[in-house]
């Protein structure tokens, strides 16, 4: 009798180990041979309110198996494009950076090490958080490459310099990024009302060259109008805080803020960004699956990442 694997397997989404999109797992970070490498950063000791984002990478990976498209890629009839075609798409999952509980600096150093390995392999790093502090080691890893422009999707400005001695929590990453000589500027989208920071934070960010838009300002300008404000032809590092989206579609996060983005407006913006310059790094943070029993938040994160990765590779 023929064995199952000899006769061809269905390989349904709920079968097998949960790597991102059911892509190959690479344990040896010196042997990354891919266009895209996914790294988990399950660190949430930077949170100031509800923790739980340490389970984000695991949750996003599990949700992503729904979009493990089988063998033909993902045909989008609106765009008349097959994204992530099986024969040319090379995505690997590196597993997670090692997190040392209570030790922010060591945990961050381990995340940075992973991102450096991805960049050394000329692959696109896609980092699954974790809280937004994991962006700090991600940006640190870009010190040896050409300048980058940060594009942030978030309800919060995350531009605190230091509060009670804390410099590397989830309220600090955009300030730490702006200080880098190789970060040429920031586009901060979705920042809104009582969920964000004191006026001094905005003044500081603008002094560093930030362009800050709320969700309503984004909608008034439209996708094209917003894209026109982003430097053309630059190298973009995109950091997506899931609380940039509305809690009606993404309740699974530590600091939800009503009035957020919806799926398509952000997909269209990121699609345009991938055409306007080169997206060279990507993180998606602050998914805390335990606050969302429906799984909507992890599904949104996985679906957005799959579609954005597909477009980045297509436009290359």
Protein backbone atom coordinates (compact mmCIF):
# COMPACT_ATOMS: atom_id res chain seq x y z
CA UNK A 1 0.00 0.00 0.00
CA UNK A 2 1.37 3.43 -0.92
CA UNK A 3 2.41 5.66 1.94
CA UNK A 4 0.55 8.92 2.43
CA UNK A 5 3.45 11.15 1.33
CA UNK A 6 3.99 9.11 -1.83
CA UNK A 7 0.44 9.63 -3.02
CA UNK A 8 0.53 13.38 -2.40
CA UNK A 9 -0.68 15.10 0.74
CA UNK A 10 -3.41 17.69 1.16
CA UNK A 11 -1.25 19.45 3.77
CA UNK A 12 -4.26 21.28 5.21
CA UNK A 13 -3.62 24.39 7.35
CA UNK A 14 -4.20 22.60 10.67
CA UNK A 15 -1.65 19.87 9.89
CA UNK A 16 2.04 20.02 10.78
CA UNK A 17 4.27 22.40 12.73
CA UNK A 18 3.32 26.09 12.87
CA UNK A 19 6.10 27.89 11.09
CA UNK A 20 5.16 31.20 9.47
CA UNK A 21 3.03 30.32 6.44
CA UNK A 22 4.23 26.71 6.87
CA UNK A 23 7.50 27.77 5.27
CA UNK A 24 10.76 25.88 5.95
CA UNK A 25 12.33 26.20 9.39
CA UNK A 26 16.02 27.12 9.44
CA UNK A 27 17.76 26.39 12.71
CA UNK A 28 21.28 27.37 11.60
CA UNK A 29 21.32 31.14 11.25
CA UNK A 30 24.57 30.96 9.29
CA UNK A 31 22.72 29.06 6.54
CA UNK A 32 19.92 31.46 5.63
CA UNK A 33 19.29 31.15 1.88
CA UNK A 34 16.06 33.01 1.22
CA UNK A 35 14.50 36.29 0.14
CA UNK A 36 12.59 36.71 3.40
CA UNK A 37 13.46 35.45 6.89
CA UNK A 38 10.93 35.55 9.72
CA UNK A 39 12.22 35.91 13.28
CA UNK A 40 10.12 35.76 16.45
CA UNK A 41 10.90 38.23 19.24
CA UNK A 42 8.62 37.03 22.07
CA UNK A 43 9.62 39.75 24.55
CA UNK A 44 7.03 41.81 26.45
CA UNK A 45 8.90 43.13 29.48
CA UNK A 46 8.77 46.60 27.89
CA UNK A 47 5.02 46.95 28.42
CA UNK A 48 3.49 49.52 30.77
CA UNK A 49 -0.05 48.19 30.86
CA UNK A 50 -1.12 44.66 29.88
CA UNK A 51 1.56 42.12 29.04
CA UNK A 52 0.99 39.05 26.86
CA UNK A 53 2.70 40.05 23.60
CA UNK A 54 5.29 37.34 24.35
CA UNK A 55 2.73 35.00 22.81
CA UNK A 56 2.44 37.15 19.66
CA UNK A 57 4.93 35.24 17.48
CA UNK A 58 3.34 31.91 18.30
CA UNK A 59 -0.16 33.27 17.68
CA UNK A 60 0.76 34.95 14.39
CA UNK A 61 2.47 31.79 13.15
CA UNK A 62 -0.56 29.67 13.97
CA UNK A 63 -2.89 32.13 12.22
CA UNK A 64 -0.55 32.27 9.22
CA UNK A 65 -1.09 28.57 8.50
CA UNK A 66 -4.54 29.55 7.18
CA UNK A 67 -2.69 31.40 4.41
CA UNK A 68 -0.25 28.61 3.53
CA UNK A 69 -1.56 28.78 0.01
CA UNK A 70 -0.89 25.26 -1.15
CA UNK A 71 1.21 25.04 -4.30
CA UNK A 72 0.12 27.78 -6.66
CA UNK A 73 0.65 31.00 -4.73
CA UNK A 74 -2.13 33.49 -4.07
CA UNK A 75 -3.91 34.87 -7.12
CA UNK A 76 -5.44 38.31 -6.53
CA UNK A 77 -8.13 38.91 -9.15
CA UNK A 78 -8.32 42.64 -8.36
CA UNK A 79 -4.64 43.12 -9.16
CA UNK A 80 -4.47 40.26 -11.67
CA UNK A 81 -1.27 39.14 -9.96
CA UNK A 82 -0.26 35.87 -8.36
CA UNK A 83 1.53 36.84 -5.17
CA UNK A 84 3.96 34.48 -3.43
CA UNK A 85 4.22 32.06 -6.39
CA UNK A 86 5.54 28.77 -5.10
CA UNK A 87 8.30 28.37 -7.69
CA UNK A 88 10.03 31.69 -6.93
CA UNK A 89 9.04 32.52 -3.34
CA UNK A 90 11.75 31.82 -0.79
CA UNK A 91 10.58 32.49 2.76
CA UNK A 92 12.10 30.80 5.81
CA UNK A 93 11.26 30.85 9.50
CA UNK A 94 14.21 31.12 11.87
CA UNK A 95 12.24 30.45 15.04
CA UNK A 96 12.67 32.85 17.94
CA UNK A 97 15.44 34.92 19.44
CA UNK A 98 16.27 33.63 22.91
CA UNK A 99 14.53 35.72 25.56
CA UNK A 100 16.02 35.96 29.04
CA UNK A 101 13.24 36.83 31.50
CA UNK A 102 13.72 40.19 33.29
CA UNK A 103 16.87 40.92 31.26
CA UNK A 104 15.93 43.51 28.65
CA UNK A 105 19.42 44.17 27.37
CA UNK A 106 20.35 40.52 26.87
CA UNK A 107 17.01 39.74 25.23
CA UNK A 108 17.35 42.76 22.94
CA UNK A 109 20.92 41.74 22.08
CA UNK A 110 19.68 38.29 21.06
CA UNK A 111 17.04 39.85 18.79
CA UNK A 112 19.63 42.17 17.24
CA UNK A 113 21.92 39.19 16.60
CA UNK A 114 19.15 37.45 14.65
CA UNK A 115 18.37 40.50 12.52
CA UNK A 116 22.08 40.98 11.75
CA UNK A 117 22.25 37.37 10.56
CA UNK A 118 19.28 37.97 8.25
CA UNK A 119 20.83 41.14 6.80
CA UNK A 120 24.17 39.37 6.34
CA UNK A 121 22.32 36.78 4.24
CA UNK A 122 20.81 39.58 2.07
CA UNK A 123 17.30 38.57 3.14
CA UNK A 124 14.42 40.79 4.24
CA UNK A 125 13.98 40.61 8.02
CA UNK A 126 10.37 40.21 9.17
CA UNK A 127 10.26 40.30 12.96
CA UNK A 128 7.22 39.18 14.94
CA UNK A 129 6.90 40.87 18.34
CA UNK A 130 6.72 41.03 21.22
CA UNK A 131 6.12 44.54 22.50
CA UNK A 132 7.27 47.60 20.58
CA UNK A 133 10.60 47.75 22.42
CA UNK A 134 11.79 44.91 20.17
CA UNK A 135 12.00 47.47 17.38
CA UNK A 136 15.05 48.97 19.16
CA UNK A 137 17.37 45.99 18.52
CA UNK A 138 15.94 45.64 15.01
CA UNK A 139 16.98 49.20 14.14
CA UNK A 140 20.34 48.73 15.90
CA UNK A 141 21.09 45.91 13.46
CA UNK A 142 20.90 48.32 10.49
CA UNK A 143 23.94 50.33 11.57
CA UNK A 144 26.21 48.80 8.94
CA UNK A 145 23.93 49.35 5.95
CA UNK A 146 22.66 52.30 3.95
CA UNK A 147 20.36 54.89 5.56
CA UNK A 148 16.72 54.05 6.28
CA UNK A 149 13.48 56.00 6.66
CA UNK A 150 11.15 54.68 9.36
CA UNK A 151 7.45 54.26 8.59
CA UNK A 152 5.46 53.59 11.75
CA UNK A 153 1.82 52.46 11.98
CA UNK A 154 0.69 53.01 15.58
CA UNK A 155 -1.83 54.61 17.91
CA UNK A 156 1.06 55.90 20.01
CA UNK A 157 4.01 58.14 19.23
CA UNK A 158 6.53 56.00 21.20
CA UNK A 159 8.90 58.97 21.38
CA UNK A 160 9.70 59.10 25.10
CA UNK A 161 13.38 59.78 25.74
CA UNK A 162 13.58 58.59 29.33
CA UNK A 163 11.04 58.18 32.11
CA UNK A 164 12.10 56.93 35.56
CA UNK A 165 15.35 55.75 34.03
CA UNK A 166 13.58 53.64 31.39
CA UNK A 167 15.05 54.11 27.92
CA UNK A 168 14.32 50.77 26.24
CA UNK A 169 10.63 50.13 26.91
CA UNK A 170 7.77 50.13 24.43
CA UNK A 171 7.31 53.90 24.78
CA UNK A 172 10.87 54.62 23.60
CA UNK A 173 11.56 52.94 20.23
CA UNK A 174 10.90 55.80 17.83
CA UNK A 175 13.05 58.14 19.92
CA UNK A 176 15.89 55.60 19.96
CA UNK A 177 15.51 55.20 16.18
CA UNK A 178 15.49 58.95 15.52
CA UNK A 179 18.81 59.30 17.37
CA UNK A 180 20.55 57.01 14.88
CA UNK A 181 22.67 58.83 12.26
CA UNK A 182 21.51 56.34 9.60
CA UNK A 183 17.80 57.02 10.23
CA UNK A 184 16.96 59.88 7.88
CA UNK A 185 13.45 60.60 9.16
CA UNK A 186 10.18 59.12 10.37
CA UNK A 187 6.64 58.94 9.03
CA UNK A 188 4.33 58.24 11.99
CA UNK A 189 0.77 57.25 11.02
CA UNK A 190 -2.29 56.56 13.14
CA UNK A 191 -1.17 58.56 16.18
CA UNK A 192 -4.32 59.60 18.01
CA UNK A 193 -5.83 61.57 20.89
CA UNK A 194 -5.67 60.48 24.56
CA UNK A 195 -3.83 57.27 23.74
CA UNK A 196 -0.58 59.04 22.95
CA UNK A 197 1.84 61.42 24.61
CA UNK A 198 2.42 64.92 26.00
CA UNK A 199 2.91 67.85 23.64
CA UNK A 200 6.66 67.83 24.31
CA UNK A 201 6.85 64.39 22.69
CA UNK A 202 5.36 65.75 19.47
CA UNK A 203 7.68 68.77 19.57
CA UNK A 204 10.67 66.47 20.07
CA UNK A 205 9.59 64.16 17.24
CA UNK A 206 9.11 67.04 14.81
CA UNK A 207 12.50 68.45 15.76
CA UNK A 208 13.98 65.10 14.73
CA UNK A 209 12.16 65.33 11.39
CA UNK A 210 9.00 63.31 12.02
CA UNK A 211 5.88 63.66 9.92
CA UNK A 212 2.96 62.79 12.22
CA UNK A 213 -0.55 62.03 10.96
CA UNK A 214 -3.61 60.78 12.80
CA UNK A 215 -6.01 58.28 11.27
CA UNK A 216 -8.43 61.08 10.39
CA UNK A 217 -5.67 63.17 8.80
CA UNK A 218 -4.55 60.09 6.83
CA UNK A 219 -8.10 59.55 5.57
CA UNK A 220 -8.51 63.20 4.63
CA UNK A 221 -5.32 63.06 2.55
CA UNK A 222 -6.09 59.59 1.21
CA UNK A 223 -3.59 56.85 0.50
CA UNK A 224 -1.96 58.67 -2.42
CA UNK A 225 -1.80 61.98 -0.56
CA UNK A 226 -0.16 60.32 2.41
CA UNK A 227 2.32 58.43 0.23
CA UNK A 228 3.30 61.72 -1.43
CA UNK A 229 4.61 62.91 1.95
CA UNK A 230 6.99 59.94 2.29
CA UNK A 231 10.45 60.49 0.73
CA UNK A 232 10.45 58.86 -2.70
CA UNK A 233 12.95 56.17 -3.65
CA UNK A 234 14.15 55.72 -0.06
CA UNK A 235 14.87 52.54 1.88
CA UNK A 236 11.95 52.06 4.26
CA UNK A 237 11.89 50.21 7.53
CA UNK A 238 8.24 49.56 8.41
CA UNK A 239 7.18 49.03 12.01
CA UNK A 240 3.54 48.05 12.53
CA UNK A 241 2.04 48.22 16.00
CA UNK A 242 -1.20 46.22 15.81
CA UNK A 243 -2.87 48.87 18.00
CA UNK A 244 -2.63 51.20 15.01
CA UNK A 245 -5.64 49.21 13.80
CA UNK A 246 -9.08 49.67 15.30
CA UNK A 247 -9.87 47.42 18.27
CA UNK A 248 -13.05 46.36 16.49
CA UNK A 249 -10.81 44.25 14.23
CA UNK A 250 -7.74 43.95 16.50
CA UNK A 251 -8.73 43.73 20.18
CA UNK A 252 -5.83 41.39 21.02
CA UNK A 253 -3.30 43.96 22.16
CA UNK A 254 -2.09 45.44 25.42
CA UNK A 255 -3.05 49.08 24.81
CA UNK A 256 -6.07 49.23 22.44
CA UNK A 257 -7.15 52.64 21.17
CA UNK A 258 -10.41 53.29 19.37
CA UNK A 259 -10.45 55.22 16.09
CA UNK A 260 -7.86 53.09 14.34
CA UNK A 261 -7.10 51.96 10.80
CA UNK A 262 -8.95 49.24 8.89
CA UNK A 263 -7.37 46.50 6.85
CA UNK A 264 -7.66 47.73 3.28
CA UNK A 265 -6.55 51.32 3.80
CA UNK A 266 -3.35 50.05 5.40
CA UNK A 267 -2.80 47.33 2.78
CA UNK A 268 -3.22 49.93 0.04
CA UNK A 269 -0.79 52.28 1.77
CA UNK A 270 1.84 49.56 2.23
CA UNK A 271 1.32 48.40 -1.36
CA UNK A 272 2.03 51.96 -2.52
CA UNK A 273 5.04 52.20 -0.21
CA UNK A 274 6.53 49.00 -1.68
CA UNK A 275 6.31 50.68 -5.11
CA UNK A 276 7.57 54.10 -3.95
CA UNK A 277 10.91 52.88 -2.62
CA UNK A 278 12.35 49.71 -1.13
CA UNK A 279 11.04 48.14 2.06
CA UNK A 280 14.18 46.70 3.67
CA UNK A 281 12.83 45.63 7.05
CA UNK A 282 9.52 44.96 8.71
CA UNK A 283 8.30 44.27 12.20
CA UNK A 284 4.80 43.70 13.52
CA UNK A 285 4.44 44.08 17.26
CA UNK A 286 2.09 44.20 20.26
CA UNK A 287 -0.14 41.28 19.27
CA UNK A 288 -1.29 39.74 22.58
CA UNK A 289 -3.52 36.84 21.53
CA UNK A 290 -5.02 36.13 24.95
CA UNK A 291 -7.11 39.32 24.86
CA UNK A 292 -8.88 38.15 21.69
CA UNK A 293 -10.65 34.79 21.98
CA UNK A 294 -11.89 35.15 18.39
CA UNK A 295 -8.41 35.04 16.85
CA UNK A 296 -9.23 38.06 14.68
CA UNK A 297 -6.09 39.95 15.75
CA UNK A 298 -3.61 37.20 14.90
CA UNK A 299 -5.44 36.57 11.61
CA UNK A 300 -5.20 40.27 10.73
CA UNK A 301 -1.47 40.28 11.56
CA UNK A 302 -0.77 37.17 9.50
CA UNK A 303 -2.92 38.25 6.55
CA UNK A 304 -1.37 41.71 6.44
CA UNK A 305 2.18 40.32 6.62
CA UNK A 306 1.53 37.71 3.93
CA UNK A 307 0.08 40.31 1.59
CA UNK A 308 2.78 42.90 2.24
CA UNK A 309 5.58 40.33 1.78
CA UNK A 310 3.90 39.23 -1.45
CA UNK A 311 3.87 42.78 -2.76
CA UNK A 312 7.45 43.56 -1.70
CA UNK A 313 8.68 40.50 -3.61
CA UNK A 314 6.43 41.21 -6.60
CA UNK A 315 7.61 44.81 -7.05
CA UNK A 316 11.26 43.76 -6.85
